[in-house]
N, C-alpha and C. Protein backbone atom coordinates (compact mmCIF):
# COMPACT_ATOMS: atom_id res chain seq x y z
N MET A 1 12.75 -22.20 -9.34
CA MET A 1 13.94 -21.57 -8.76
C MET A 1 13.76 -20.06 -8.74
N PRO A 2 14.04 -19.41 -7.63
CA PRO A 2 13.84 -17.95 -7.54
C PRO A 2 14.72 -17.20 -8.53
N THR A 3 14.19 -16.09 -9.02
CA THR A 3 14.98 -15.21 -9.87
C THR A 3 16.08 -14.55 -9.04
N ASP A 4 17.01 -13.91 -9.72
CA ASP A 4 18.09 -13.24 -9.01
C ASP A 4 17.55 -12.16 -8.07
N TYR A 5 16.55 -11.40 -8.56
CA TYR A 5 15.97 -10.34 -7.73
C TYR A 5 15.26 -10.92 -6.51
N ALA A 6 14.52 -12.03 -6.72
CA ALA A 6 13.82 -12.66 -5.60
C ALA A 6 14.81 -13.19 -4.57
N ALA A 7 15.89 -13.80 -5.05
CA ALA A 7 16.91 -14.32 -4.15
C ALA A 7 17.57 -13.18 -3.38
N GLN A 8 17.77 -12.06 -4.05
CA GLN A 8 18.36 -10.89 -3.39
C GLN A 8 17.45 -10.39 -2.27
N ALA A 9 16.14 -10.36 -2.54
CA ALA A 9 15.19 -9.93 -1.52
C ALA A 9 15.17 -10.91 -0.35
N LEU A 10 15.16 -12.19 -0.64
CA LEU A 10 15.15 -13.20 0.41
C LEU A 10 16.36 -13.08 1.32
N SER A 11 17.47 -12.66 0.77
CA SER A 11 18.70 -12.57 1.56
C SER A 11 18.64 -11.51 2.65
N ILE A 12 17.73 -10.54 2.48
CA ILE A 12 17.61 -9.47 3.50
C ILE A 12 16.23 -9.45 4.14
N LEU A 13 15.39 -10.43 3.84
CA LEU A 13 14.01 -10.43 4.35
C LEU A 13 13.99 -10.48 5.87
N ARG A 14 13.40 -9.45 6.47
CA ARG A 14 13.28 -9.34 7.92
C ARG A 14 14.63 -9.52 8.64
N ASP A 15 15.65 -8.96 8.04
CA ASP A 15 16.99 -9.00 8.63
C ASP A 15 17.19 -7.74 9.48
N PRO A 16 17.24 -7.87 10.81
CA PRO A 16 17.34 -6.69 11.67
C PRO A 16 18.65 -5.92 11.51
N SER A 17 19.65 -6.56 10.93
CA SER A 17 20.92 -5.86 10.74
C SER A 17 20.82 -4.77 9.68
N GLN A 18 19.72 -4.74 8.94
CA GLN A 18 19.49 -3.70 7.94
C GLN A 18 19.05 -2.37 8.56
N PHE A 19 18.75 -2.39 9.84
CA PHE A 19 18.18 -1.19 10.50
C PHE A 19 19.01 0.06 10.25
N GLN A 20 18.30 1.17 9.99
CA GLN A 20 18.91 2.48 9.86
C GLN A 20 18.13 3.46 10.74
N TRP A 21 18.83 4.41 11.35
CA TRP A 21 18.19 5.32 12.30
C TRP A 21 17.17 6.25 11.67
N TYR A 22 17.21 6.46 10.35
CA TYR A 22 16.25 7.36 9.74
C TYR A 22 14.82 6.85 9.85
N VAL A 23 14.65 5.56 10.17
CA VAL A 23 13.31 5.01 10.35
C VAL A 23 12.59 5.71 11.50
N ILE A 24 13.31 6.06 12.53
CA ILE A 24 12.68 6.66 13.70
C ILE A 24 12.04 8.01 13.38
N PRO A 25 12.74 8.96 12.75
CA PRO A 25 12.05 10.21 12.38
C PRO A 25 10.93 9.99 11.37
N LEU A 26 11.07 9.01 10.47
CA LEU A 26 9.97 8.71 9.55
C LEU A 26 8.74 8.25 10.32
N LEU A 27 8.96 7.39 11.29
CA LEU A 27 7.85 6.92 12.12
C LEU A 27 7.19 8.07 12.86
N LEU A 28 8.01 8.99 13.37
CA LEU A 28 7.47 10.14 14.09
C LEU A 28 6.65 11.04 13.16
N VAL A 29 7.06 11.15 11.91
CA VAL A 29 6.28 11.93 10.93
C VAL A 29 4.90 11.31 10.76
N VAL A 30 4.85 9.99 10.61
CA VAL A 30 3.55 9.30 10.46
C VAL A 30 2.69 9.52 11.70
N ILE A 31 3.29 9.34 12.89
CA ILE A 31 2.56 9.52 14.14
C ILE A 31 2.06 10.96 14.26
N TYR A 32 2.90 11.91 13.92
CA TYR A 32 2.51 13.32 14.00
C TYR A 32 1.33 13.61 13.09
N ILE A 33 1.37 13.13 11.86
CA ILE A 33 0.30 13.39 10.91
C ILE A 33 -1.02 12.83 11.42
N TYR A 34 -1.00 11.62 11.94
CA TYR A 34 -2.25 11.03 12.46
C TYR A 34 -2.71 11.75 13.73
N ASN A 35 -1.77 12.14 14.58
CA ASN A 35 -2.15 12.85 15.80
C ASN A 35 -2.79 14.20 15.50
N VAL A 36 -2.30 14.88 14.47
CA VAL A 36 -2.91 16.15 14.08
C VAL A 36 -4.35 15.94 13.66
N GLU A 37 -4.59 14.92 12.85
CA GLU A 37 -5.95 14.65 12.38
C GLU A 37 -6.86 14.19 13.52
N ILE A 38 -6.32 13.38 14.41
CA ILE A 38 -7.11 12.92 15.56
C ILE A 38 -7.44 14.10 16.48
N GLY A 39 -6.44 14.98 16.69
CA GLY A 39 -6.67 16.15 17.53
C GLY A 39 -7.76 17.05 16.98
N LYS A 40 -7.88 17.11 15.66
CA LYS A 40 -8.92 17.92 15.02
C LYS A 40 -10.23 17.14 14.87
N LYS A 41 -10.21 15.87 15.31
CA LYS A 41 -11.36 14.98 15.19
C LYS A 41 -11.77 14.80 13.72
N ASN A 42 -10.78 14.77 12.85
CA ASN A 42 -11.03 14.52 11.42
C ASN A 42 -11.07 13.01 11.20
N TRP A 43 -12.11 12.37 11.76
CA TRP A 43 -12.16 10.92 11.73
C TRP A 43 -12.28 10.36 10.33
N SER A 44 -12.95 11.07 9.45
CA SER A 44 -13.07 10.60 8.07
C SER A 44 -11.70 10.54 7.40
N ILE A 45 -10.85 11.52 7.69
CA ILE A 45 -9.50 11.54 7.14
C ILE A 45 -8.66 10.41 7.75
N VAL A 46 -8.76 10.24 9.06
CA VAL A 46 -8.00 9.20 9.74
C VAL A 46 -8.36 7.82 9.20
N PHE A 47 -9.64 7.53 9.11
CA PHE A 47 -10.06 6.21 8.66
C PHE A 47 -9.82 6.00 7.16
N ALA A 48 -9.87 7.07 6.39
CA ALA A 48 -9.51 6.95 4.97
C ALA A 48 -8.05 6.56 4.83
N GLY A 49 -7.19 7.17 5.66
CA GLY A 49 -5.78 6.83 5.63
C GLY A 49 -5.52 5.39 6.04
N LEU A 50 -6.16 4.95 7.10
CA LEU A 50 -5.98 3.58 7.58
C LEU A 50 -6.55 2.57 6.61
N ALA A 51 -7.64 2.92 5.93
CA ALA A 51 -8.24 2.01 4.96
C ALA A 51 -7.28 1.77 3.79
N LEU A 52 -6.68 2.84 3.28
CA LEU A 52 -5.75 2.68 2.17
C LEU A 52 -4.53 1.86 2.61
N TRP A 53 -4.04 2.13 3.81
CA TRP A 53 -2.91 1.39 4.36
C TRP A 53 -3.25 -0.10 4.46
N GLY A 54 -4.43 -0.39 4.94
CA GLY A 54 -4.85 -1.78 5.07
C GLY A 54 -5.00 -2.47 3.72
N MET A 55 -5.48 -1.75 2.72
CA MET A 55 -5.59 -2.33 1.38
C MET A 55 -4.22 -2.67 0.82
N ASP A 56 -3.23 -1.83 1.10
CA ASP A 56 -1.89 -2.14 0.63
C ASP A 56 -1.35 -3.41 1.30
N TRP A 57 -1.59 -3.56 2.59
CA TRP A 57 -1.15 -4.78 3.27
C TRP A 57 -1.77 -6.02 2.64
N PHE A 58 -3.04 -5.94 2.28
CA PHE A 58 -3.69 -7.08 1.63
C PHE A 58 -2.97 -7.44 0.33
N ASN A 59 -2.66 -6.43 -0.48
CA ASN A 59 -1.95 -6.68 -1.73
C ASN A 59 -0.56 -7.27 -1.49
N GLU A 60 0.12 -6.76 -0.48
CA GLU A 60 1.46 -7.25 -0.20
C GLU A 60 1.45 -8.71 0.27
N ILE A 61 0.40 -9.09 0.97
CA ILE A 61 0.29 -10.47 1.45
C ILE A 61 0.09 -11.42 0.28
N TRP A 62 -0.87 -11.10 -0.63
CA TRP A 62 -1.07 -12.04 -1.74
C TRP A 62 0.13 -12.03 -2.68
N ASN A 63 0.83 -10.90 -2.78
CA ASN A 63 2.03 -10.85 -3.60
C ASN A 63 3.09 -11.81 -3.04
N ALA A 64 3.25 -11.81 -1.72
CA ALA A 64 4.20 -12.73 -1.10
C ALA A 64 3.78 -14.18 -1.28
N LEU A 65 2.48 -14.42 -1.28
CA LEU A 65 1.99 -15.78 -1.50
C LEU A 65 2.25 -16.25 -2.93
N VAL A 66 2.18 -15.33 -3.88
CA VAL A 66 2.51 -15.68 -5.27
C VAL A 66 3.94 -16.23 -5.33
N PHE A 67 4.85 -15.54 -4.64
CA PHE A 67 6.22 -16.03 -4.64
C PHE A 67 6.33 -17.39 -3.97
N HIS A 68 5.62 -17.57 -2.87
CA HIS A 68 5.69 -18.86 -2.16
C HIS A 68 5.24 -20.00 -3.07
N PHE A 69 4.13 -19.81 -3.76
CA PHE A 69 3.58 -20.91 -4.56
C PHE A 69 4.29 -21.11 -5.90
N THR A 70 4.90 -20.06 -6.42
CA THR A 70 5.63 -20.21 -7.69
C THR A 70 7.10 -20.56 -7.46
N ASN A 71 7.64 -20.14 -6.32
CA ASN A 71 9.07 -20.26 -6.04
C ASN A 71 9.90 -19.67 -7.17
N TYR A 72 9.33 -18.68 -7.84
CA TYR A 72 10.01 -18.02 -8.95
C TYR A 72 10.21 -16.54 -8.66
N ALA A 73 9.09 -15.83 -8.50
CA ALA A 73 9.18 -14.39 -8.23
C ALA A 73 7.84 -13.88 -7.73
N PRO A 74 7.87 -12.83 -6.91
CA PRO A 74 6.62 -12.15 -6.58
C PRO A 74 6.17 -11.34 -7.80
N VAL A 75 4.96 -10.85 -7.77
CA VAL A 75 4.49 -10.00 -8.86
C VAL A 75 5.32 -8.72 -8.88
N TRP A 76 5.63 -8.19 -7.73
CA TRP A 76 6.57 -7.07 -7.61
C TRP A 76 7.48 -7.35 -6.42
N GLY A 77 8.71 -6.88 -6.54
CA GLY A 77 9.66 -7.07 -5.46
C GLY A 77 10.35 -5.77 -5.13
N ALA A 78 10.94 -5.72 -3.93
CA ALA A 78 11.65 -4.50 -3.50
C ALA A 78 13.03 -4.88 -2.95
N PRO A 79 13.87 -5.48 -3.78
CA PRO A 79 15.15 -5.96 -3.28
C PRO A 79 16.26 -4.93 -3.28
N ALA A 80 16.09 -3.90 -4.10
CA ALA A 80 17.20 -2.96 -4.31
C ALA A 80 17.14 -1.78 -3.35
N GLY A 81 18.24 -1.08 -3.25
CA GLY A 81 18.26 0.11 -2.42
C GLY A 81 18.63 -0.19 -0.98
N ASP A 82 18.84 0.86 -0.21
CA ASP A 82 19.25 0.72 1.18
C ASP A 82 18.05 0.77 2.10
N THR A 83 17.23 -0.26 2.06
CA THR A 83 16.08 -0.30 2.95
C THR A 83 16.53 -0.60 4.37
N ALA A 84 15.82 -0.04 5.31
CA ALA A 84 16.13 -0.29 6.72
C ALA A 84 15.51 -1.58 7.22
N PHE A 85 14.52 -2.10 6.50
CA PHE A 85 13.89 -3.36 6.90
C PHE A 85 12.94 -3.81 5.80
N LEU A 86 13.14 -5.01 5.28
CA LEU A 86 12.25 -5.59 4.28
C LEU A 86 11.24 -6.47 5.02
N ILE A 87 10.00 -6.03 5.07
CA ILE A 87 8.96 -6.71 5.85
C ILE A 87 8.45 -7.94 5.12
N LEU A 88 8.03 -7.76 3.89
CA LEU A 88 7.61 -8.84 3.00
C LEU A 88 8.40 -8.66 1.71
N ILE A 89 8.35 -9.64 0.83
CA ILE A 89 9.24 -9.62 -0.33
C ILE A 89 9.03 -8.41 -1.24
N GLY A 90 7.85 -7.81 -1.18
CA GLY A 90 7.60 -6.62 -1.99
C GLY A 90 7.34 -5.38 -1.17
N LEU A 91 7.58 -5.47 0.14
CA LEU A 91 7.22 -4.36 1.04
C LEU A 91 8.34 -4.09 2.03
N ASN A 92 8.88 -2.88 1.94
CA ASN A 92 9.86 -2.48 2.95
C ASN A 92 9.25 -1.46 3.89
N ILE A 93 9.97 -1.13 4.96
CA ILE A 93 9.45 -0.25 5.99
C ILE A 93 9.16 1.15 5.45
N GLU A 94 9.96 1.59 4.49
CA GLU A 94 9.76 2.91 3.91
C GLU A 94 8.47 2.97 3.10
N ILE A 95 8.19 1.89 2.36
CA ILE A 95 6.98 1.84 1.54
C ILE A 95 5.73 1.85 2.42
N THR A 96 5.74 1.05 3.49
CA THR A 96 4.53 0.98 4.31
C THR A 96 4.25 2.30 5.02
N MET A 97 5.32 3.04 5.39
CA MET A 97 5.10 4.35 5.99
C MET A 97 4.54 5.33 4.96
N MET A 98 5.01 5.20 3.73
CA MET A 98 4.50 6.05 2.67
C MET A 98 3.01 5.81 2.45
N PHE A 99 2.60 4.53 2.42
CA PHE A 99 1.19 4.23 2.22
C PHE A 99 0.35 4.65 3.42
N ALA A 100 0.92 4.66 4.61
CA ALA A 100 0.19 5.12 5.79
C ALA A 100 -0.18 6.59 5.66
N ILE A 101 0.65 7.34 4.95
CA ILE A 101 0.40 8.77 4.76
C ILE A 101 -0.41 9.05 3.50
N MET A 102 -0.27 8.20 2.50
CA MET A 102 -0.89 8.47 1.20
C MET A 102 -2.40 8.67 1.29
N GLY A 103 -3.07 7.82 2.06
CA GLY A 103 -4.52 7.95 2.18
C GLY A 103 -4.94 9.25 2.83
N ILE A 104 -4.17 9.69 3.82
CA ILE A 104 -4.43 10.98 4.47
C ILE A 104 -4.33 12.11 3.45
N ALA A 105 -3.25 12.10 2.68
CA ALA A 105 -3.03 13.16 1.70
C ALA A 105 -4.12 13.16 0.63
N ALA A 106 -4.48 11.98 0.14
CA ALA A 106 -5.50 11.89 -0.91
C ALA A 106 -6.86 12.33 -0.40
N ALA A 107 -7.21 11.94 0.81
CA ALA A 107 -8.51 12.31 1.37
C ALA A 107 -8.62 13.82 1.56
N HIS A 108 -7.53 14.45 1.91
CA HIS A 108 -7.54 15.91 2.10
C HIS A 108 -7.84 16.65 0.80
N SER A 109 -7.56 16.03 -0.32
CA SER A 109 -7.76 16.71 -1.60
C SER A 109 -9.18 16.56 -2.14
N LEU A 110 -9.99 15.73 -1.49
CA LEU A 110 -11.35 15.49 -1.97
C LEU A 110 -12.22 16.73 -1.80
N PRO A 111 -13.07 17.04 -2.77
CA PRO A 111 -14.03 18.13 -2.61
C PRO A 111 -14.97 17.83 -1.44
N ALA A 112 -15.38 18.85 -0.73
CA ALA A 112 -16.28 18.66 0.41
C ALA A 112 -17.61 18.07 -0.03
N ASP A 113 -18.07 18.44 -1.21
CA ASP A 113 -19.32 17.92 -1.75
C ASP A 113 -19.05 16.65 -2.54
N LYS A 114 -19.42 15.50 -1.96
CA LYS A 114 -19.13 14.24 -2.63
C LYS A 114 -20.00 14.02 -3.86
N HIS A 115 -21.04 14.83 -4.02
CA HIS A 115 -21.92 14.69 -5.18
C HIS A 115 -21.51 15.59 -6.35
N MET A 116 -20.53 16.42 -6.14
CA MET A 116 -20.08 17.32 -7.20
C MET A 116 -19.52 16.52 -8.37
N LYS A 117 -19.81 16.96 -9.58
CA LYS A 117 -19.33 16.28 -10.78
C LYS A 117 -18.12 17.01 -11.36
N ILE A 118 -17.23 16.25 -11.94
CA ILE A 118 -16.09 16.78 -12.68
C ILE A 118 -16.16 16.21 -14.09
N LEU A 119 -16.36 17.09 -15.06
CA LEU A 119 -16.55 16.66 -16.45
C LEU A 119 -17.70 15.65 -16.57
N GLY A 120 -18.71 15.86 -15.72
CA GLY A 120 -19.88 15.00 -15.76
C GLY A 120 -19.74 13.69 -15.00
N LEU A 121 -18.59 13.48 -14.36
CA LEU A 121 -18.34 12.24 -13.63
C LEU A 121 -18.28 12.51 -12.13
N PRO A 122 -18.66 11.52 -11.31
CA PRO A 122 -18.54 11.70 -9.85
C PRO A 122 -17.10 12.04 -9.47
N ASN A 123 -16.95 13.06 -8.63
CA ASN A 123 -15.58 13.51 -8.33
C ASN A 123 -14.74 12.44 -7.65
N ARG A 124 -15.36 11.54 -6.87
CA ARG A 124 -14.59 10.48 -6.21
C ARG A 124 -13.99 9.53 -7.24
N VAL A 125 -14.74 9.25 -8.29
CA VAL A 125 -14.24 8.39 -9.36
C VAL A 125 -13.07 9.06 -10.06
N VAL A 126 -13.22 10.33 -10.37
CA VAL A 126 -12.16 11.08 -11.05
C VAL A 126 -10.89 11.10 -10.21
N PHE A 127 -11.02 11.36 -8.92
CA PHE A 127 -9.85 11.43 -8.06
C PHE A 127 -9.20 10.05 -7.89
N ALA A 128 -10.02 9.01 -7.75
CA ALA A 128 -9.46 7.66 -7.61
C ALA A 128 -8.71 7.24 -8.86
N VAL A 129 -9.28 7.52 -10.01
CA VAL A 129 -8.62 7.19 -11.28
C VAL A 129 -7.36 8.03 -11.46
N GLY A 130 -7.46 9.32 -11.17
CA GLY A 130 -6.31 10.20 -11.33
C GLY A 130 -5.14 9.81 -10.44
N TYR A 131 -5.42 9.56 -9.17
CA TYR A 131 -4.36 9.15 -8.25
C TYR A 131 -3.77 7.81 -8.65
N SER A 132 -4.60 6.90 -9.13
CA SER A 132 -4.12 5.58 -9.54
C SER A 132 -3.20 5.69 -10.74
N ILE A 133 -3.57 6.51 -11.70
CA ILE A 133 -2.71 6.72 -12.87
C ILE A 133 -1.38 7.31 -12.46
N ALA A 134 -1.42 8.32 -11.58
CA ALA A 134 -0.18 8.94 -11.10
C ALA A 134 0.70 7.91 -10.38
N ALA A 135 0.08 7.04 -9.58
CA ALA A 135 0.83 6.03 -8.85
C ALA A 135 1.48 5.03 -9.79
N VAL A 136 0.77 4.66 -10.85
CA VAL A 136 1.34 3.73 -11.84
C VAL A 136 2.55 4.35 -12.52
N ILE A 137 2.44 5.62 -12.88
CA ILE A 137 3.56 6.32 -13.51
C ILE A 137 4.78 6.33 -12.59
N ILE A 138 4.55 6.59 -11.30
CA ILE A 138 5.65 6.59 -10.33
C ILE A 138 6.25 5.20 -10.21
N GLU A 139 5.40 4.17 -10.21
CA GLU A 139 5.91 2.79 -10.13
C GLU A 139 6.79 2.46 -11.33
N ILE A 140 6.38 2.91 -12.51
CA ILE A 140 7.18 2.66 -13.71
C ILE A 140 8.55 3.32 -13.56
N ILE A 141 8.57 4.54 -13.04
CA ILE A 141 9.84 5.24 -12.82
C ILE A 141 10.71 4.48 -11.81
N LEU A 142 10.09 3.99 -10.73
CA LEU A 142 10.82 3.23 -9.73
C LEU A 142 11.36 1.93 -10.31
N ASN A 143 10.58 1.31 -11.18
CA ASN A 143 11.04 0.09 -11.84
C ASN A 143 12.23 0.37 -12.75
N LEU A 144 12.16 1.45 -13.50
CA LEU A 144 13.27 1.83 -14.37
C LEU A 144 14.53 2.13 -13.57
N ALA A 145 14.33 2.64 -12.34
CA ALA A 145 15.47 2.95 -11.48
C ALA A 145 15.99 1.71 -10.75
N GLY A 146 15.26 0.59 -10.86
CA GLY A 146 15.68 -0.64 -10.20
C GLY A 146 15.23 -0.78 -8.76
N ALA A 147 14.43 0.17 -8.29
CA ALA A 147 13.97 0.11 -6.90
C ALA A 147 12.83 -0.88 -6.71
N LEU A 148 12.01 -1.06 -7.74
CA LEU A 148 10.95 -2.07 -7.76
C LEU A 148 11.19 -3.00 -8.94
N THR A 149 11.03 -4.28 -8.72
CA THR A 149 11.29 -5.24 -9.80
C THR A 149 10.02 -5.95 -10.23
N TRP A 150 9.90 -6.16 -11.52
CA TRP A 150 8.78 -6.89 -12.11
C TRP A 150 9.34 -8.02 -12.96
N GLU A 151 8.78 -9.22 -12.80
CA GLU A 151 9.29 -10.38 -13.52
C GLU A 151 8.28 -10.98 -14.49
N TYR A 152 7.05 -10.48 -14.47
CA TYR A 152 5.99 -11.04 -15.31
C TYR A 152 5.57 -10.04 -16.37
N ALA A 153 5.39 -10.54 -17.61
CA ALA A 153 5.07 -9.65 -18.73
C ALA A 153 3.73 -8.96 -18.53
N TRP A 154 2.82 -9.60 -17.83
CA TRP A 154 1.48 -9.04 -17.65
C TRP A 154 1.43 -7.99 -16.52
N TRP A 155 2.54 -7.80 -15.86
CA TRP A 155 2.65 -6.74 -14.82
C TRP A 155 3.94 -5.98 -15.12
N SER A 156 3.84 -5.03 -16.02
CA SER A 156 5.05 -4.36 -16.50
C SER A 156 4.68 -3.00 -17.09
N ALA A 157 5.71 -2.24 -17.46
CA ALA A 157 5.49 -0.93 -18.05
C ALA A 157 4.77 -1.03 -19.39
N SER A 158 4.96 -2.14 -20.09
CA SER A 158 4.29 -2.32 -21.38
C SER A 158 2.86 -2.83 -21.23
N ALA A 159 2.50 -3.28 -20.03
CA ALA A 159 1.14 -3.74 -19.75
C ALA A 159 0.72 -3.25 -18.36
N PRO A 160 0.48 -1.95 -18.23
CA PRO A 160 0.24 -1.37 -16.89
C PRO A 160 -1.19 -1.52 -16.38
N TRP A 161 -2.03 -2.20 -17.13
CA TRP A 161 -3.47 -2.21 -16.81
C TRP A 161 -3.75 -2.86 -15.46
N LEU A 162 -3.10 -4.00 -15.19
CA LEU A 162 -3.35 -4.67 -13.92
C LEU A 162 -2.75 -3.89 -12.75
N ILE A 163 -1.64 -3.21 -12.99
CA ILE A 163 -1.07 -2.36 -11.93
C ILE A 163 -2.08 -1.30 -11.54
N PHE A 164 -2.77 -0.75 -12.54
CA PHE A 164 -3.80 0.26 -12.30
C PHE A 164 -5.02 -0.35 -11.63
N LEU A 165 -5.54 -1.45 -12.20
CA LEU A 165 -6.81 -2.03 -11.74
C LEU A 165 -6.70 -2.76 -10.41
N ILE A 166 -5.57 -3.43 -10.17
CA ILE A 166 -5.41 -4.22 -8.96
C ILE A 166 -4.46 -3.54 -7.98
N GLY A 167 -3.42 -2.93 -8.54
CA GLY A 167 -2.39 -2.36 -7.68
C GLY A 167 -2.79 -1.09 -6.96
N TYR A 168 -3.68 -0.27 -7.59
CA TYR A 168 -3.95 1.02 -6.97
C TYR A 168 -5.42 1.44 -6.92
N LEU A 169 -6.18 1.19 -7.96
CA LEU A 169 -7.56 1.68 -7.96
C LEU A 169 -8.36 1.22 -6.74
N PRO A 170 -8.25 -0.06 -6.32
CA PRO A 170 -8.99 -0.46 -5.10
C PRO A 170 -8.55 0.30 -3.86
N PHE A 171 -7.27 0.68 -3.79
CA PHE A 171 -6.78 1.43 -2.62
C PHE A 171 -7.58 2.71 -2.45
N PHE A 172 -7.61 3.50 -3.52
CA PHE A 172 -8.26 4.81 -3.44
C PHE A 172 -9.78 4.67 -3.39
N ALA A 173 -10.32 3.69 -4.10
CA ALA A 173 -11.78 3.49 -4.08
C ALA A 173 -12.26 3.16 -2.67
N VAL A 174 -11.59 2.25 -1.99
CA VAL A 174 -11.98 1.87 -0.63
C VAL A 174 -11.72 3.02 0.34
N SER A 175 -10.59 3.70 0.18
CA SER A 175 -10.27 4.83 1.04
C SER A 175 -11.34 5.91 0.97
N PHE A 176 -11.75 6.26 -0.25
CA PHE A 176 -12.75 7.30 -0.43
C PHE A 176 -14.14 6.82 0.03
N TRP A 177 -14.41 5.55 -0.18
CA TRP A 177 -15.68 4.96 0.27
C TRP A 177 -15.79 5.06 1.79
N VAL A 178 -14.72 4.70 2.48
CA VAL A 178 -14.71 4.80 3.94
C VAL A 178 -14.82 6.27 4.37
N HIS A 179 -14.11 7.14 3.69
CA HIS A 179 -14.16 8.57 4.00
C HIS A 179 -15.57 9.11 3.98
N ASP A 180 -16.37 8.65 3.03
CA ASP A 180 -17.71 9.20 2.83
C ASP A 180 -18.80 8.49 3.62
N MET A 181 -18.45 7.51 4.42
CA MET A 181 -19.46 6.81 5.22
C MET A 181 -20.12 7.80 6.18
N GLU A 182 -21.39 7.55 6.45
CA GLU A 182 -22.19 8.51 7.21
C GLU A 182 -21.90 8.52 8.70
N SER A 183 -21.31 7.46 9.22
CA SER A 183 -21.06 7.44 10.67
C SER A 183 -19.63 7.00 10.96
N THR A 184 -19.09 7.54 12.03
CA THR A 184 -17.74 7.16 12.47
C THR A 184 -17.72 5.69 12.86
N ARG A 185 -18.81 5.20 13.39
CA ARG A 185 -18.88 3.79 13.80
C ARG A 185 -18.70 2.87 12.59
N LYS A 186 -19.38 3.18 11.48
CA LYS A 186 -19.23 2.37 10.27
C LYS A 186 -17.80 2.43 9.75
N GLN A 187 -17.21 3.62 9.81
CA GLN A 187 -15.82 3.77 9.37
C GLN A 187 -14.89 2.91 10.21
N ALA A 188 -15.07 2.99 11.53
CA ALA A 188 -14.21 2.24 12.44
C ALA A 188 -14.37 0.73 12.24
N LEU A 189 -15.60 0.26 12.09
CA LEU A 189 -15.84 -1.16 11.91
C LEU A 189 -15.27 -1.66 10.58
N THR A 190 -15.40 -0.85 9.54
CA THR A 190 -14.89 -1.25 8.23
C THR A 190 -13.37 -1.34 8.25
N VAL A 191 -12.73 -0.32 8.82
CA VAL A 191 -11.27 -0.32 8.90
C VAL A 191 -10.79 -1.47 9.80
N ALA A 192 -11.50 -1.71 10.89
CA ALA A 192 -11.13 -2.81 11.79
C ALA A 192 -11.22 -4.15 11.04
N ALA A 193 -12.23 -4.29 10.18
CA ALA A 193 -12.37 -5.53 9.40
C ALA A 193 -11.22 -5.70 8.42
N ILE A 194 -10.84 -4.61 7.76
CA ILE A 194 -9.74 -4.67 6.79
C ILE A 194 -8.43 -5.02 7.49
N LEU A 195 -8.11 -4.28 8.55
CA LEU A 195 -6.86 -4.51 9.25
C LEU A 195 -6.87 -5.84 10.01
N GLY A 196 -8.04 -6.23 10.51
CA GLY A 196 -8.15 -7.51 11.20
C GLY A 196 -7.91 -8.67 10.26
N PHE A 197 -8.44 -8.57 9.03
CA PHE A 197 -8.21 -9.62 8.04
C PHE A 197 -6.74 -9.69 7.66
N ASP A 198 -6.12 -8.53 7.50
CA ASP A 198 -4.68 -8.49 7.20
C ASP A 198 -3.89 -9.18 8.30
N LEU A 199 -4.20 -8.83 9.54
CA LEU A 199 -3.48 -9.40 10.68
C LEU A 199 -3.66 -10.91 10.74
N LEU A 200 -4.89 -11.38 10.49
CA LEU A 200 -5.15 -12.82 10.49
C LEU A 200 -4.32 -13.53 9.43
N CYS A 201 -4.26 -12.93 8.23
CA CYS A 201 -3.47 -13.51 7.14
C CYS A 201 -1.99 -13.55 7.50
N LEU A 202 -1.50 -12.47 8.11
CA LEU A 202 -0.09 -12.43 8.51
C LEU A 202 0.22 -13.50 9.56
N LEU A 203 -0.70 -13.67 10.50
CA LEU A 203 -0.49 -14.67 11.55
C LEU A 203 -0.51 -16.10 10.97
N ILE A 204 -1.44 -16.35 10.05
CA ILE A 204 -1.56 -17.70 9.48
C ILE A 204 -0.44 -17.98 8.48
N PHE A 205 -0.33 -17.11 7.47
CA PHE A 205 0.62 -17.37 6.38
C PHE A 205 2.07 -17.07 6.78
N GLY A 206 2.24 -16.14 7.74
CA GLY A 206 3.58 -15.81 8.17
C GLY A 206 3.99 -16.52 9.43
N GLY A 207 3.17 -16.35 10.48
CA GLY A 207 3.54 -16.91 11.78
C GLY A 207 3.40 -18.40 11.89
N VAL A 208 2.29 -18.96 11.38
CA VAL A 208 2.02 -20.39 11.53
C VAL A 208 2.64 -21.21 10.40
N LEU A 209 2.32 -20.85 9.16
CA LEU A 209 2.76 -21.63 8.02
C LEU A 209 4.15 -21.24 7.49
N ASP A 210 4.60 -20.04 7.85
CA ASP A 210 5.91 -19.55 7.39
C ASP A 210 6.00 -19.53 5.86
N TRP A 211 4.93 -19.10 5.21
CA TRP A 211 4.91 -19.04 3.75
C TRP A 211 5.38 -17.68 3.22
N ILE A 212 5.26 -16.65 4.06
CA ILE A 212 5.59 -15.31 3.59
C ILE A 212 6.65 -14.66 4.49
């Protein structure tokens, strides 16, 4: 039986009556940011941003599948607050726009020299770990505020390790990996594979099977 939070999320899942007009300027902000980078031909930045966004979609899909198969709760949920649209049980429209920008912002902070060391460690590793830790801290704050819900003891403020290792570190690791690829073609193919797999999962698990 679904938890109260899961039931609350289900009650507004993909409900168009939740729409709020602030989504439109938020969307324009995302479009503007990508257009600026495309105009400057900063393809490494563009593909780093899309890679991180695609990694988040992958996590959101398996999170929704956890709820389907347990009929209890997702690993994380986003039922609270005035969302304009809840896309999946743990993903609202505001969150996905945030992740669309996050990779762009993180990639811009990377040192130009990918071989430079910080405290003897590869700078990409340091930045990926640092951003992941910061993201976990923010998630804990959001959970305390009731904006994100956690129902499992192994995914909580008292046990943040999996949130770090699964929830965020792969996002930044893949984003930075794509950023540093030697050719735009490899970047484009890799991002296309990530987003293509996400789309396939959404079509199968959402469109065909109606599991998420």
